[in-house]
């Protein structure tokens, strides 16, 4: 049965889903940078929560040919578009889609899996009413050494006030609400999981991104040292976030 939120998303995207990827290309900034930073382990399992048209999952599957990708969405209409896109891409054998609520979906039922190496939200948290529970659920599904990635609209803190007002009014029409408490909430989750949180504000606050790394299995180095070493390896990607990219690289 479709939930009330799923039914609303079906109405919102009944027609938009056909032009969604083309129309969002120029203002959902940072999506490809998030994908480039995922770096799942060989044979890893990557889950997108709020996968929409599967645009991101297709990019992940192409960039990481050893990974298996999974996506959930609450909108049946969006999933129909996603399944068609995956079929056209020739990646149906490596991308599995399922209908579910971000806050309480059952990955065992949908995907026969209990944990994932990478989980990400790409401009979906701002559209999920129980977003706090969705983050908690995602963190609980990370395996040892797993990472949770987020990119979404920020608070436009270094942009003109008029721009913020116009953008937020436009986003409200599509039931999008940027999460002002995102850093605090992720910080609390990181503390409970003894995880490392990296939070970034890009494009003068237009987009916020975060990466939460849970401890890896004990090895020659302590878990936290291993995680810090991995963060240093990603320094080049993080440095690019200080600059607005050319449109072709968004």
Protein backbone atom coordinates (compact mmCIF):
# COMPACT_ATOMS: atom_id res chain seq x y z
CA UNK A 1 0.00 0.00 0.00
CA UNK A 2 1.31 3.46 -0.89
CA UNK A 3 1.86 5.72 2.14
CA UNK A 4 0.38 9.20 2.39
CA UNK A 5 3.81 10.70 1.75
CA UNK A 6 4.36 8.36 -1.16
CA UNK A 7 1.02 9.37 -2.67
CA UNK A 8 1.94 13.03 -2.32
CA UNK A 9 5.33 12.45 -4.02
CA UNK A 10 3.53 10.60 -6.80
CA UNK A 11 1.37 13.69 -7.37
CA UNK A 12 4.33 16.09 -7.24
CA UNK A 13 6.38 14.08 -9.72
CA UNK A 14 3.64 12.66 -11.92
CA UNK A 15 4.87 14.76 -14.84
CA UNK A 16 8.14 16.17 -13.53
CA UNK A 17 9.81 12.76 -13.33
CA UNK A 18 10.06 12.72 -17.13
CA UNK A 19 12.24 15.86 -17.17
CA UNK A 20 13.61 15.68 -13.63
CA UNK A 21 17.23 14.87 -14.48
CA UNK A 22 17.47 17.51 -17.19
CA UNK A 23 15.82 20.25 -15.11
CA UNK A 24 17.80 19.54 -11.90
CA UNK A 25 21.20 19.27 -13.50
CA UNK A 26 22.17 22.87 -12.88
CA UNK A 27 21.14 23.42 -9.29
CA UNK A 28 21.53 20.13 -7.40
CA UNK A 29 25.19 20.90 -6.84
CA UNK A 30 27.67 18.41 -5.46
CA UNK A 31 26.03 15.15 -6.47
CA UNK A 32 28.90 13.91 -8.61
CA UNK A 33 31.43 14.93 -5.99
CA UNK A 34 29.58 12.79 -3.49
CA UNK A 35 29.64 9.86 -5.92
CA UNK A 36 33.38 10.32 -6.50
CA UNK A 37 33.99 10.23 -2.75
CA UNK A 38 32.08 6.99 -2.09
CA UNK A 39 34.96 4.65 -2.95
CA UNK A 40 33.29 1.42 -1.84
CA UNK A 41 35.51 -1.59 -1.17
CA UNK A 42 35.85 -4.23 -3.90
CA UNK A 43 32.58 -6.11 -4.12
CA UNK A 44 30.96 -3.48 -1.91
CA UNK A 45 27.27 -2.74 -1.47
CA UNK A 46 26.01 0.83 -1.95
CA UNK A 47 22.53 2.04 -0.96
CA UNK A 48 20.85 5.30 -1.97
CA UNK A 49 17.90 6.38 0.15
CA UNK A 50 15.49 8.44 -1.93
CA UNK A 51 16.90 7.27 -5.25
CA UNK A 52 14.39 9.09 -7.46
CA UNK A 53 15.09 8.44 -11.14
CA UNK A 54 18.19 6.30 -10.37
CA UNK A 55 20.41 8.89 -12.02
CA UNK A 56 22.91 8.67 -9.16
CA UNK A 57 22.83 4.88 -8.88
CA UNK A 58 23.60 4.49 -12.57
CA UNK A 59 26.58 6.83 -12.16
CA UNK A 60 27.78 4.87 -9.11
CA UNK A 61 27.49 1.55 -10.91
CA UNK A 62 29.48 2.87 -13.86
CA UNK A 63 32.20 4.42 -11.70
CA UNK A 64 32.56 1.38 -9.42
CA UNK A 65 32.08 -1.71 -11.62
CA UNK A 66 32.69 -4.12 -8.70
CA UNK A 67 29.91 -2.63 -6.56
CA UNK A 68 26.31 -3.74 -6.26
CA UNK A 69 23.89 -0.83 -5.92
CA UNK A 70 20.53 -0.58 -4.19
CA UNK A 71 17.94 2.17 -4.10
CA UNK A 72 14.71 2.84 -2.25
CA UNK A 73 12.08 5.47 -2.86
CA UNK A 74 8.64 6.13 -1.44
CA UNK A 75 7.20 7.19 -4.82
CA UNK A 76 5.98 4.42 -7.10
CA UNK A 77 5.94 6.78 -10.07
CA UNK A 78 9.59 7.70 -9.52
CA UNK A 79 10.49 4.03 -9.17
CA UNK A 80 8.80 3.27 -12.47
CA UNK A 81 11.00 5.89 -14.12
CA UNK A 82 14.05 4.57 -12.26
CA UNK A 83 13.46 0.99 -13.40
CA UNK A 84 13.11 2.12 -17.01
CA UNK A 85 16.34 4.14 -16.75
CA UNK A 86 18.23 1.23 -15.21
CA UNK A 87 16.99 -1.12 -17.93
CA UNK A 88 18.13 1.31 -20.66
CA UNK A 89 21.55 1.61 -19.01
CA UNK A 90 22.15 -2.13 -19.21
CA UNK A 91 22.87 -2.24 -15.46
CA UNK A 92 19.79 -4.09 -14.24
CA UNK A 93 22.00 -6.91 -13.01
CA UNK A 94 23.84 -4.59 -10.60
CA UNK A 95 21.15 -2.12 -9.50
CA UNK A 96 18.28 -3.33 -7.32
CA UNK A 97 15.34 -1.03 -6.55
CA UNK A 98 12.63 -1.24 -3.93
CA UNK A 99 9.71 0.74 -2.58
CA UNK A 100 10.10 1.82 1.02
CA UNK A 101 9.87 4.58 3.59
CA UNK A 102 13.26 6.02 4.48
CA UNK A 103 12.57 5.88 8.21
CA UNK A 104 11.51 2.25 8.58
CA UNK A 105 12.20 0.19 5.46
CA UNK A 106 13.34 -3.40 5.85
CA UNK A 107 16.47 -4.07 3.76
CA UNK A 108 16.29 -7.81 4.44
CA UNK A 109 12.86 -7.97 2.83
CA UNK A 110 13.74 -5.67 -0.07
CA UNK A 111 17.32 -6.70 -0.79
CA UNK A 112 18.11 -9.72 1.39
CA UNK A 113 20.81 -7.65 3.11
CA UNK A 114 21.18 -6.34 6.65
CA UNK A 115 24.08 -3.90 6.19
CA UNK A 116 25.79 -1.79 3.53
CA UNK A 117 29.30 -0.44 2.95
CA UNK A 118 28.10 2.94 1.72
CA UNK A 119 24.76 4.69 2.19
CA UNK A 120 23.94 8.09 0.77
CA UNK A 121 21.25 10.75 0.60
CA UNK A 122 21.46 13.10 -2.38
CA UNK A 123 19.02 16.01 -2.07
CA UNK A 124 16.48 13.68 -0.51
CA UNK A 125 16.70 14.42 3.23
CA UNK A 126 15.05 17.78 2.61
CA UNK A 127 12.04 15.94 1.19
CA UNK A 128 11.70 13.28 3.89
CA UNK A 129 9.36 14.44 6.71
CA UNK A 130 10.81 12.00 9.32
CA UNK A 131 14.36 12.94 8.32
CA UNK A 132 15.76 12.46 11.82
CA UNK A 133 14.56 8.86 11.87
CA UNK A 134 15.82 8.36 8.32
CA UNK A 135 19.33 9.36 9.36
CA UNK A 136 19.21 7.11 12.41
CA UNK A 137 18.00 4.24 10.25
CA UNK A 138 20.75 4.76 7.70
CA UNK A 139 23.47 4.90 10.37
CA UNK A 140 22.15 1.68 11.90
CA UNK A 141 22.48 -0.10 8.55
CA UNK A 142 26.17 0.69 8.07
CA UNK A 143 28.53 -2.23 8.29
CA UNK A 144 31.92 -2.08 10.00
CA UNK A 145 34.02 0.57 8.31
CA UNK A 146 30.94 1.87 6.51
CA UNK A 147 30.27 5.46 5.50
CA UNK A 148 27.15 7.59 5.39
CA UNK A 149 27.23 10.44 2.83
CA UNK A 150 24.83 13.36 2.55
CA UNK A 151 24.51 16.29 0.16
CA UNK A 152 21.56 18.68 0.24
CA UNK A 153 20.54 22.31 0.22
CA UNK A 154 22.25 24.39 2.88
CA UNK A 155 21.06 27.55 4.57
CA UNK A 156 22.56 29.89 1.93
CA UNK A 157 24.41 31.59 4.78
CA UNK A 158 26.95 33.45 2.64
CA UNK A 159 24.58 34.33 -0.18
CA UNK A 160 22.33 37.41 -0.43
CA UNK A 161 19.21 37.33 1.73
CA UNK A 162 16.95 37.87 -1.28
CA UNK A 163 18.43 34.78 -2.95
CA UNK A 164 17.72 32.66 0.10
CA UNK A 165 14.15 33.95 0.31
CA UNK A 166 13.42 33.27 -3.36
CA UNK A 167 15.05 29.83 -3.31
CA UNK A 168 13.30 28.66 -0.14
CA UNK A 169 9.92 29.89 -1.40
CA UNK A 170 10.42 27.99 -4.65
CA UNK A 171 11.57 24.84 -2.82
CA UNK A 172 8.51 24.96 -0.57
CA UNK A 173 6.30 24.53 -3.62
CA UNK A 174 7.82 21.06 -4.04
CA UNK A 175 7.69 20.17 -0.34
CA UNK A 176 11.46 20.68 0.06
CA UNK A 177 12.69 21.94 3.45
CA UNK A 178 16.47 22.36 3.90
CA UNK A 179 17.51 20.95 7.29
CA UNK A 180 19.10 23.68 9.38
CA UNK A 181 19.96 21.20 12.17
CA UNK A 182 21.72 18.73 9.91
CA UNK A 183 25.22 19.18 11.33
CA UNK A 184 24.04 18.95 14.94
CA UNK A 185 21.98 15.83 14.31
CA UNK A 186 24.79 14.08 12.46
CA UNK A 187 27.20 15.09 15.21
CA UNK A 188 25.02 13.39 17.81
CA UNK A 189 24.80 10.23 15.70
CA UNK A 190 28.57 10.24 15.21
CA UNK A 191 29.15 10.55 18.95
CA UNK A 192 26.89 7.60 19.70
CA UNK A 193 28.60 5.46 17.05
CA UNK A 194 32.14 6.58 17.96
CA UNK A 195 32.34 7.72 14.35
CA UNK A 196 34.15 10.54 12.59
CA UNK A 197 32.03 13.29 11.02
CA UNK A 198 33.24 15.64 8.34
CA UNK A 199 30.83 18.47 7.50
CA UNK A 200 31.32 20.93 4.64
CA UNK A 201 29.56 24.06 3.42
CA UNK A 202 30.06 24.62 -0.30
CA UNK A 203 29.20 27.35 -2.77
CA UNK A 204 28.79 29.94 0.00
CA UNK A 205 26.37 27.73 1.87
CA UNK A 206 24.23 26.80 -1.12
CA UNK A 207 24.96 23.11 -0.54
CA UNK A 208 25.92 21.26 2.63
CA UNK A 209 27.62 17.89 2.55
CA UNK A 210 28.62 15.43 5.22
CA UNK A 211 30.47 12.17 5.57
CA UNK A 212 30.16 9.98 8.64
CA UNK A 213 32.65 7.11 9.00
CA UNK A 214 32.05 4.31 11.48
CA UNK A 215 34.99 2.35 12.92
CA UNK A 216 36.55 -0.36 10.81
CA UNK A 217 37.46 -3.77 12.25
CA UNK A 218 40.58 -3.63 14.49
CA UNK A 219 43.83 -3.90 12.57
CA UNK A 220 47.45 -2.80 12.82
CA UNK A 221 46.21 0.74 13.52
CA UNK A 222 43.47 1.91 15.82
CA UNK A 223 40.09 2.43 14.17
CA UNK A 224 40.20 6.20 14.50
CA UNK A 225 43.70 6.38 13.00
CA UNK A 226 42.59 4.29 10.04
CA UNK A 227 39.60 6.58 9.47
CA UNK A 228 41.78 9.69 9.69
CA UNK A 229 44.21 8.23 7.15
CA UNK A 230 41.29 7.62 4.79
CA UNK A 231 40.13 11.21 5.23
CA UNK A 232 43.56 12.48 4.25
CA UNK A 233 43.45 10.37 1.08
CA UNK A 234 40.28 12.21 0.07
CA UNK A 235 41.84 15.65 0.56
CA UNK A 236 41.88 16.43 -3.16
CA UNK A 237 38.13 15.87 -3.45
CA UNK A 238 37.41 17.96 -0.36
CA UNK A 239 39.59 20.83 -1.60
CA UNK A 240 37.52 21.11 -4.78
CA UNK A 241 34.47 21.88 -2.63
CA UNK A 242 35.94 25.32 -1.92
CA UNK A 243 35.33 26.38 -5.49
CA UNK A 244 32.30 26.47 -7.74
CA UNK A 245 32.80 23.91 -10.54
CA UNK A 246 32.09 24.44 -14.20
CA UNK A 247 28.56 23.45 -15.13
CA UNK A 248 29.75 20.39 -17.03
CA UNK A 249 31.26 18.88 -13.87
CA UNK A 250 28.23 19.27 -11.57
